[in-house]
């Protein structure tokens, strides 16, 4: 009897060990085994809009660093690039005078460092080229940072939706960075992909907290078929009188007019009386909620009703507020 009991216990321990070992060796892709066999073009990513602009100023769009964004589960980073007064390709918000977050190369090094430490993760980077800077400048930045070694180059471009590799394929081949540029991409640098050859996107500068639209804004006259799509799900608020919030503007003028005029000029407006849009930080917990009016899922479902498939990207401000990563899981059926 004792021998039989010992045999049963031994077999049970073997079973437990096998289960545990199976759990430990089961591959994960972006944190989920289910995503390993799913094509890149069939996954929804929650993205950080203007990811490099971190801080408390009215021009900042994020509250935590790029590394912290990635650590939290964000796998899509977007930011603006311009040439600053020192002729350096830099991360500048609208203009380098307003907000210069440093060289693009430093930003790319941050991403590479994170990818080095996280070998089972696939990250997408979208840079906007406001100055229409030559693609050679971006190529040089990628190569200087070493990030180019991770970039995926499709066998043909644009790549049809059904021909995108799975996350597992990208991880196995160590091509775990998908890079896009909105304007100025060229076949001469094949790993930096033309955003609008692959995506259409919805309107930005939204001030309606219900997000009750999913129209195609860019590229002009685009058809949804054959393209992934990006939803600009971040809320702005108006600042009037060249920079004075509505409630302050109602209380009086005086010295505030001078401050307002200067603030408006910084934001590229003509002066007092122009509306300036800034990120609505206070509304972010609701904007970045999973469900409810104006939520991530709410707008995603509206878009799915129009285009027959979930968005590929939901771009957010202040990803540390609300439930962006949870919404990402929900939209991916996880």
Protein backbone atom coordinates (compact mmCIF):
# COMPACT_ATOMS: atom_id res chain seq x y z
CA UNK A 1 0.00 0.00 0.00
CA UNK A 2 2.77 2.40 0.91
CA UNK A 3 4.55 1.60 -2.36
CA UNK A 4 1.37 2.30 -4.33
CA UNK A 5 0.84 5.61 -2.53
CA UNK A 6 4.44 6.58 -3.22
CA UNK A 7 3.98 5.79 -6.91
CA UNK A 8 0.84 7.94 -7.09
CA UNK A 9 2.54 10.83 -5.33
CA UNK A 10 5.55 10.55 -7.67
CA UNK A 11 3.36 10.60 -10.76
CA UNK A 12 1.41 13.55 -9.44
CA UNK A 13 4.64 15.43 -8.79
CA UNK A 14 5.77 14.63 -12.34
CA UNK A 15 2.49 15.98 -13.69
CA UNK A 16 2.79 19.16 -11.65
CA UNK A 17 6.39 19.65 -12.81
CA UNK A 18 5.38 19.11 -16.43
CA UNK A 19 2.60 21.66 -16.11
CA UNK A 20 4.89 24.14 -14.41
CA UNK A 21 7.63 23.63 -16.98
CA UNK A 22 5.10 24.04 -19.77
CA UNK A 23 3.95 27.32 -18.29
CA UNK A 24 7.50 28.50 -17.95
CA UNK A 25 8.54 27.60 -21.49
CA UNK A 26 5.39 28.74 -23.27
CA UNK A 27 6.50 31.65 -25.45
CA UNK A 28 5.03 35.07 -24.80
CA UNK A 29 4.85 37.86 -27.38
CA UNK A 30 4.14 41.34 -26.02
CA UNK A 31 3.16 39.60 -22.81
CA UNK A 32 0.62 37.17 -24.30
CA UNK A 33 1.04 33.72 -25.83
CA UNK A 34 -2.08 34.33 -27.93
CA UNK A 35 -0.36 37.14 -29.82
CA UNK A 36 2.56 34.99 -30.98
CA UNK A 37 0.56 33.51 -33.85
CA UNK A 38 -1.38 36.65 -34.70
CA UNK A 39 -0.32 38.82 -37.62
CA UNK A 40 0.99 42.26 -36.81
CA UNK A 41 -1.75 43.75 -39.00
CA UNK A 42 -4.42 42.02 -36.89
CA UNK A 43 -3.48 43.44 -33.51
CA UNK A 44 -4.67 46.57 -31.74
CA UNK A 45 -1.96 48.67 -30.08
CA UNK A 46 -2.62 51.46 -27.62
CA UNK A 47 -0.08 54.15 -28.46
CA UNK A 48 1.52 57.11 -26.70
CA UNK A 49 0.85 60.30 -28.65
CA UNK A 50 3.82 62.69 -28.56
CA UNK A 51 5.52 60.17 -26.32
CA UNK A 52 8.73 62.19 -25.86
CA UNK A 53 7.02 65.29 -24.46
CA UNK A 54 6.87 64.47 -20.78
CA UNK A 55 6.15 66.92 -17.98
CA UNK A 56 3.68 69.36 -16.49
CA UNK A 57 3.68 72.19 -19.01
CA UNK A 58 0.63 72.89 -21.20
CA UNK A 59 2.56 71.59 -24.22
CA UNK A 60 3.35 68.19 -22.69
CA UNK A 61 1.32 65.14 -23.67
CA UNK A 62 2.65 62.50 -21.30
CA UNK A 63 3.21 62.22 -17.58
CA UNK A 64 5.80 59.42 -17.49
CA UNK A 65 9.05 58.77 -19.32
CA UNK A 66 9.33 56.80 -22.56
CA UNK A 67 10.90 53.89 -20.67
CA UNK A 68 8.06 53.96 -18.14
CA UNK A 69 5.54 54.02 -20.98
CA UNK A 70 7.10 50.87 -22.42
CA UNK A 71 7.30 49.24 -18.99
CA UNK A 72 3.59 49.89 -18.50
CA UNK A 73 2.65 47.94 -21.64
CA UNK A 74 2.66 50.61 -24.35
CA UNK A 75 4.09 49.18 -27.60
CA UNK A 76 3.40 52.03 -30.02
CA UNK A 77 5.29 55.32 -29.67
CA UNK A 78 4.62 58.45 -31.71
CA UNK A 79 6.52 61.72 -31.64
CA UNK A 80 7.30 64.84 -33.68
CA UNK A 81 10.69 65.62 -35.18
CA UNK A 82 12.06 68.96 -36.41
CA UNK A 83 15.45 70.48 -37.10
CA UNK A 84 16.40 72.76 -34.20
CA UNK A 85 18.43 75.97 -34.29
CA UNK A 86 21.64 73.93 -33.98
CA UNK A 87 20.72 72.00 -37.16
CA UNK A 88 20.12 68.83 -35.13
CA UNK A 89 17.21 66.49 -35.81
CA UNK A 90 15.33 66.82 -32.54
CA UNK A 91 12.06 65.91 -30.89
CA UNK A 92 10.27 69.24 -30.95
CA UNK A 93 6.64 69.92 -30.13
CA UNK A 94 5.29 72.07 -32.98
CA UNK A 95 8.48 74.13 -32.88
CA UNK A 96 11.85 73.65 -31.20
CA UNK A 97 11.43 77.04 -29.50
CA UNK A 98 8.35 75.75 -27.71
CA UNK A 99 9.53 72.35 -26.56
CA UNK A 100 12.75 70.57 -27.53
CA UNK A 101 12.92 67.12 -25.91
CA UNK A 102 16.39 66.40 -27.26
CA UNK A 103 17.97 64.71 -30.26
CA UNK A 104 16.09 61.99 -32.09
CA UNK A 105 19.19 59.82 -31.69
CA UNK A 106 18.88 59.91 -27.89
CA UNK A 107 15.21 58.93 -28.14
CA UNK A 108 16.12 55.98 -30.38
CA UNK A 109 18.85 54.89 -27.96
CA UNK A 110 16.24 54.78 -25.19
CA UNK A 111 14.05 52.49 -27.29
CA UNK A 112 17.00 50.26 -28.27
CA UNK A 113 18.08 49.94 -24.64
CA UNK A 114 14.59 48.82 -23.72
CA UNK A 115 14.40 46.32 -26.60
CA UNK A 116 17.80 44.92 -25.59
CA UNK A 117 16.38 44.12 -22.15
CA UNK A 118 13.04 42.78 -23.40
CA UNK A 119 13.68 40.21 -26.14
CA UNK A 120 10.06 39.06 -26.50
CA UNK A 121 8.57 42.46 -27.25
CA UNK A 122 7.69 44.14 -30.55
CA UNK A 123 7.52 47.95 -30.61
CA UNK A 124 6.24 50.33 -33.29
CA UNK A 125 7.59 53.84 -33.77
CA UNK A 126 5.84 56.58 -35.76
CA UNK A 127 7.73 59.82 -36.31
CA UNK A 128 6.13 62.88 -37.86
CA UNK A 129 8.37 64.89 -40.16
CA UNK A 130 7.04 68.42 -39.81
CA UNK A 131 9.95 70.05 -41.62
CA UNK A 132 9.99 67.45 -44.42
CA UNK A 133 13.58 66.71 -43.45
CA UNK A 134 15.50 64.44 -45.84
CA UNK A 135 15.17 60.76 -45.02
CA UNK A 136 18.96 60.54 -44.80
CA UNK A 137 18.83 62.40 -41.48
CA UNK A 138 16.51 59.78 -40.02
CA UNK A 139 18.61 56.95 -41.45
CA UNK A 140 21.70 58.44 -39.81
CA UNK A 141 19.90 58.71 -36.46
CA UNK A 142 18.76 55.09 -36.57
CA UNK A 143 22.23 53.87 -37.47
CA UNK A 144 23.95 56.05 -34.89
CA UNK A 145 21.66 54.71 -32.15
CA UNK A 146 22.04 51.09 -33.26
CA UNK A 147 18.27 50.74 -33.47
CA UNK A 148 18.44 49.96 -37.18
CA UNK A 149 19.50 46.40 -36.36
CA UNK A 150 16.03 45.75 -34.92
CA UNK A 151 14.01 47.31 -37.73
CA UNK A 152 11.76 45.21 -39.94
CA UNK A 153 12.02 45.63 -43.71
CA UNK A 154 9.06 44.14 -45.61
CA UNK A 155 9.82 42.00 -48.68
CA UNK A 156 7.62 44.33 -50.73
CA UNK A 157 6.18 47.72 -49.91
CA UNK A 158 3.44 48.47 -49.20
CA UNK A 159 2.89 45.03 -47.74
CA UNK A 160 -0.68 43.66 -48.05
CA UNK A 161 -2.46 43.20 -44.74
CA UNK A 162 -2.58 39.42 -45.03
CA UNK A 163 1.18 39.18 -45.66
CA UNK A 164 2.39 40.79 -42.45
CA UNK A 165 4.42 38.47 -40.20
CA UNK A 166 3.17 37.36 -36.82
CA UNK A 167 4.60 38.78 -33.63
CA UNK A 168 6.28 35.41 -33.11
CA UNK A 169 7.97 35.69 -36.51
CA UNK A 170 9.22 39.20 -35.74
CA UNK A 171 10.63 38.07 -32.41
CA UNK A 172 12.28 34.95 -33.86
CA UNK A 173 13.99 36.95 -36.61
CA UNK A 174 14.96 39.69 -34.13
CA UNK A 175 13.22 42.35 -36.23
CA UNK A 176 11.20 43.78 -33.37
CA UNK A 177 10.92 47.44 -34.33
CA UNK A 178 8.46 48.63 -36.98
CA UNK A 179 9.28 52.21 -38.00
CA UNK A 180 7.01 54.63 -39.86
CA UNK A 181 7.44 58.22 -41.06
CA UNK A 182 4.45 60.33 -42.07
CA UNK A 183 6.13 62.38 -44.81
CA UNK A 184 9.40 61.92 -46.65
CA UNK A 185 9.85 58.14 -46.54
CA UNK A 186 11.79 56.75 -49.49
CA UNK A 187 12.71 53.34 -50.94
CA UNK A 188 16.32 54.41 -50.42
CA UNK A 189 15.78 53.69 -46.70
CA UNK A 190 13.48 50.66 -46.91
CA UNK A 191 13.13 50.01 -43.17
CA UNK A 192 11.49 53.41 -42.49
CA UNK A 193 8.01 52.88 -43.90
CA UNK A 194 5.64 55.44 -45.40
CA UNK A 195 2.87 55.83 -42.82
CA UNK A 196 0.15 56.69 -45.30
CA UNK A 197 0.98 53.82 -47.63
CA UNK A 198 0.12 51.54 -44.70
CA UNK A 199 -2.36 53.50 -42.55
CA UNK A 200 -5.21 55.91 -42.71
CA UNK A 201 -5.98 57.94 -39.62
CA UNK A 202 -8.88 59.80 -38.04
CA UNK A 203 -9.01 63.56 -37.30
CA UNK A 204 -6.82 64.99 -34.55
CA UNK A 205 -7.21 68.16 -32.42
CA UNK A 206 -10.47 66.74 -31.09
CA UNK A 207 -12.27 68.85 -28.49
CA UNK A 208 -15.46 66.75 -28.38
CA UNK A 209 -15.16 64.42 -25.35
CA UNK A 210 -17.67 61.96 -26.82
CA UNK A 211 -15.36 61.05 -29.74
CA UNK A 212 -18.47 60.43 -31.78
CA UNK A 213 -16.72 60.10 -35.15
CA UNK A 214 -14.27 57.87 -37.01
CA UNK A 215 -13.86 59.64 -40.34
CA UNK A 216 -10.81 59.23 -42.56
CA UNK A 217 -8.76 62.40 -42.26
CA UNK A 218 -5.40 61.45 -43.77
CA UNK A 219 -4.31 60.65 -46.38
CA UNK A 220 -6.91 62.70 -48.30
CA UNK A 221 -9.49 60.66 -50.19
CA UNK A 222 -8.04 57.39 -48.89
CA UNK A 223 -9.96 54.15 -49.11
CA UNK A 224 -9.97 51.94 -46.01
CA UNK A 225 -9.40 48.71 -47.89
CA UNK A 226 -5.87 47.38 -47.69
CA UNK A 227 -4.71 49.78 -44.99
CA UNK A 228 -4.34 49.49 -41.26
CA UNK A 229 -5.81 52.41 -39.37
CA UNK A 230 -4.94 54.71 -36.50
CA UNK A 231 -7.50 56.44 -34.29
CA UNK A 232 -6.47 59.71 -32.67
CA UNK A 233 -8.16 59.17 -29.32
CA UNK A 234 -6.76 62.08 -27.33
CA UNK A 235 -8.67 65.09 -26.16
CA UNK A 236 -7.63 68.72 -26.47
CA UNK A 237 -9.16 71.76 -24.83
CA UNK A 238 -9.38 75.32 -26.07
CA UNK A 239 -7.47 78.13 -24.50
CA UNK A 240 -8.85 81.49 -25.61
CA UNK A 241 -7.46 85.01 -25.88
CA UNK A 242 -4.13 83.71 -27.12
CA UNK A 243 -3.55 81.61 -24.02
CA UNK A 244 -5.93 82.48 -21.19
CA UNK A 245 -8.33 79.66 -20.21
CA UNK A 246 -12.02 80.41 -20.67
CA UNK A 247 -12.78 80.72 -16.96
CA UNK A 248 -9.88 83.13 -16.41
CA UNK A 249 -10.72 85.17 -19.50
CA UNK A 250 -14.20 85.85 -18.13
CA UNK A 251 -12.79 87.39 -14.95
CA UNK A 252 -10.93 90.23 -16.59
CA UNK A 253 -8.17 91.43 -18.85
CA UNK A 254 -5.31 93.72 -17.84
CA UNK A 255 -1.94 92.11 -17.44
CA UNK A 256 -3.33 88.76 -18.52
CA UNK A 257 -3.60 90.08 -22.06
CA UNK A 258 0.16 90.49 -22.24
CA UNK A 259 0.73 86.99 -20.89
CA UNK A 260 -1.89 85.64 -23.27
CA UNK A 261 -0.34 87.29 -26.28
CA UNK A 262 3.06 85.81 -25.50
CA UNK A 263 1.63 82.37 -24.87
CA UNK A 264 -0.29 82.51 -28.12
CA UNK A 265 2.84 83.42 -30.06
CA UNK A 266 4.71 80.47 -28.57
CA UNK A 267 1.99 78.17 -29.79
CA UNK A 268 2.21 79.63 -33.27
CA UNK A 269 -1.00 81.71 -33.07
CA UNK A 270 -1.34 85.29 -34.16
CA UNK A 271 -2.07 86.82 -30.78
CA UNK A 272 -4.89 87.73 -28.44
CA UNK A 273 -8.26 86.36 -29.51
CA UNK A 274 -7.01 83.20 -31.23
CA UNK A 275 -7.90 79.79 -29.83
CA UNK A 276 -5.02 77.60 -28.74
CA UNK A 277 -5.47 73.86 -28.22
CA UNK A 278 -3.63 72.07 -25.44
CA UNK A 279 -3.87 68.49 -24.13
CA UNK A 280 -6.71 67.99 -21.66
CA UNK A 281 -4.83 66.36 -18.81
CA UNK A 282 -7.73 66.52 -16.37
CA UNK A 283 -10.03 64.59 -18.71
CA UNK A 284 -7.51 61.81 -19.39
CA UNK A 285 -8.86 59.27 -16.86
CA UNK A 286 -12.23 59.35 -18.60
CA UNK A 287 -10.85 59.63 -22.13
CA UNK A 288 -8.58 56.64 -21.47
CA UNK A 289 -11.26 54.52 -19.79
CA UNK A 290 -12.12 51.11 -21.22
CA UNK A 291 -15.88 51.68 -21.37
CA UNK A 292 -18.35 54.52 -21.24
CA UNK A 293 -19.09 57.61 -23.28
CA UNK A 294 -15.98 58.88 -24.99
CA UNK A 295 -13.97 55.82 -23.93
CA UNK A 296 -11.39 53.85 -25.88
CA UNK A 297 -13.69 50.92 -26.49
CA UNK A 298 -16.58 53.22 -27.29
CA UNK A 299 -14.77 54.88 -30.18
CA UNK A 300 -13.17 51.61 -31.28
CA UNK A 301 -16.61 50.00 -31.60
CA UNK A 302 -17.86 52.96 -33.63
CA UNK A 303 -14.89 52.55 -35.96
CA UNK A 304 -15.36 48.80 -36.21
CA UNK A 305 -18.95 49.39 -37.26
CA UNK A 306 -17.71 51.53 -40.14
CA UNK A 307 -14.73 49.49 -41.30
CA UNK A 308 -15.54 45.95 -40.20
CA UNK A 309 -12.44 45.51 -38.05
CA UNK A 310 -10.87 46.92 -34.91
CA UNK A 311 -8.44 49.84 -35.12
CA UNK A 312 -4.79 48.90 -35.31
CA UNK A 313 -3.79 51.83 -33.12
CA UNK A 314 -5.61 53.90 -30.49
CA UNK A 315 -3.35 56.90 -29.85
CA UNK A 316 -3.59 58.42 -26.35
CA UNK A 317 -2.25 61.30 -24.31
CA UNK A 318 -1.26 60.66 -20.67
CA UNK A 319 -1.06 56.88 -20.93
CA UNK A 320 -0.40 56.67 -17.20
CA UNK A 321 -3.97 57.81 -16.56
CA UNK A 322 -7.03 55.67 -17.16
CA UNK A 323 -6.99 52.09 -18.42
CA UNK A 324 -5.23 52.17 -21.77
CA UNK A 325 -3.38 48.86 -21.49
CA UNK A 326 -6.50 47.12 -20.16
CA UNK A 327 -8.43 48.46 -23.14
CA UNK A 328 -5.69 47.13 -25.42
CA UNK A 329 -6.19 43.66 -23.99
CA UNK A 330 -9.95 43.88 -24.36
CA UNK A 331 -9.72 44.96 -28.01
CA UNK A 332 -7.36 42.04 -28.68
CA UNK A 333 -9.74 39.57 -27.02
CA UNK A 334 -7.29 38.73 -24.25
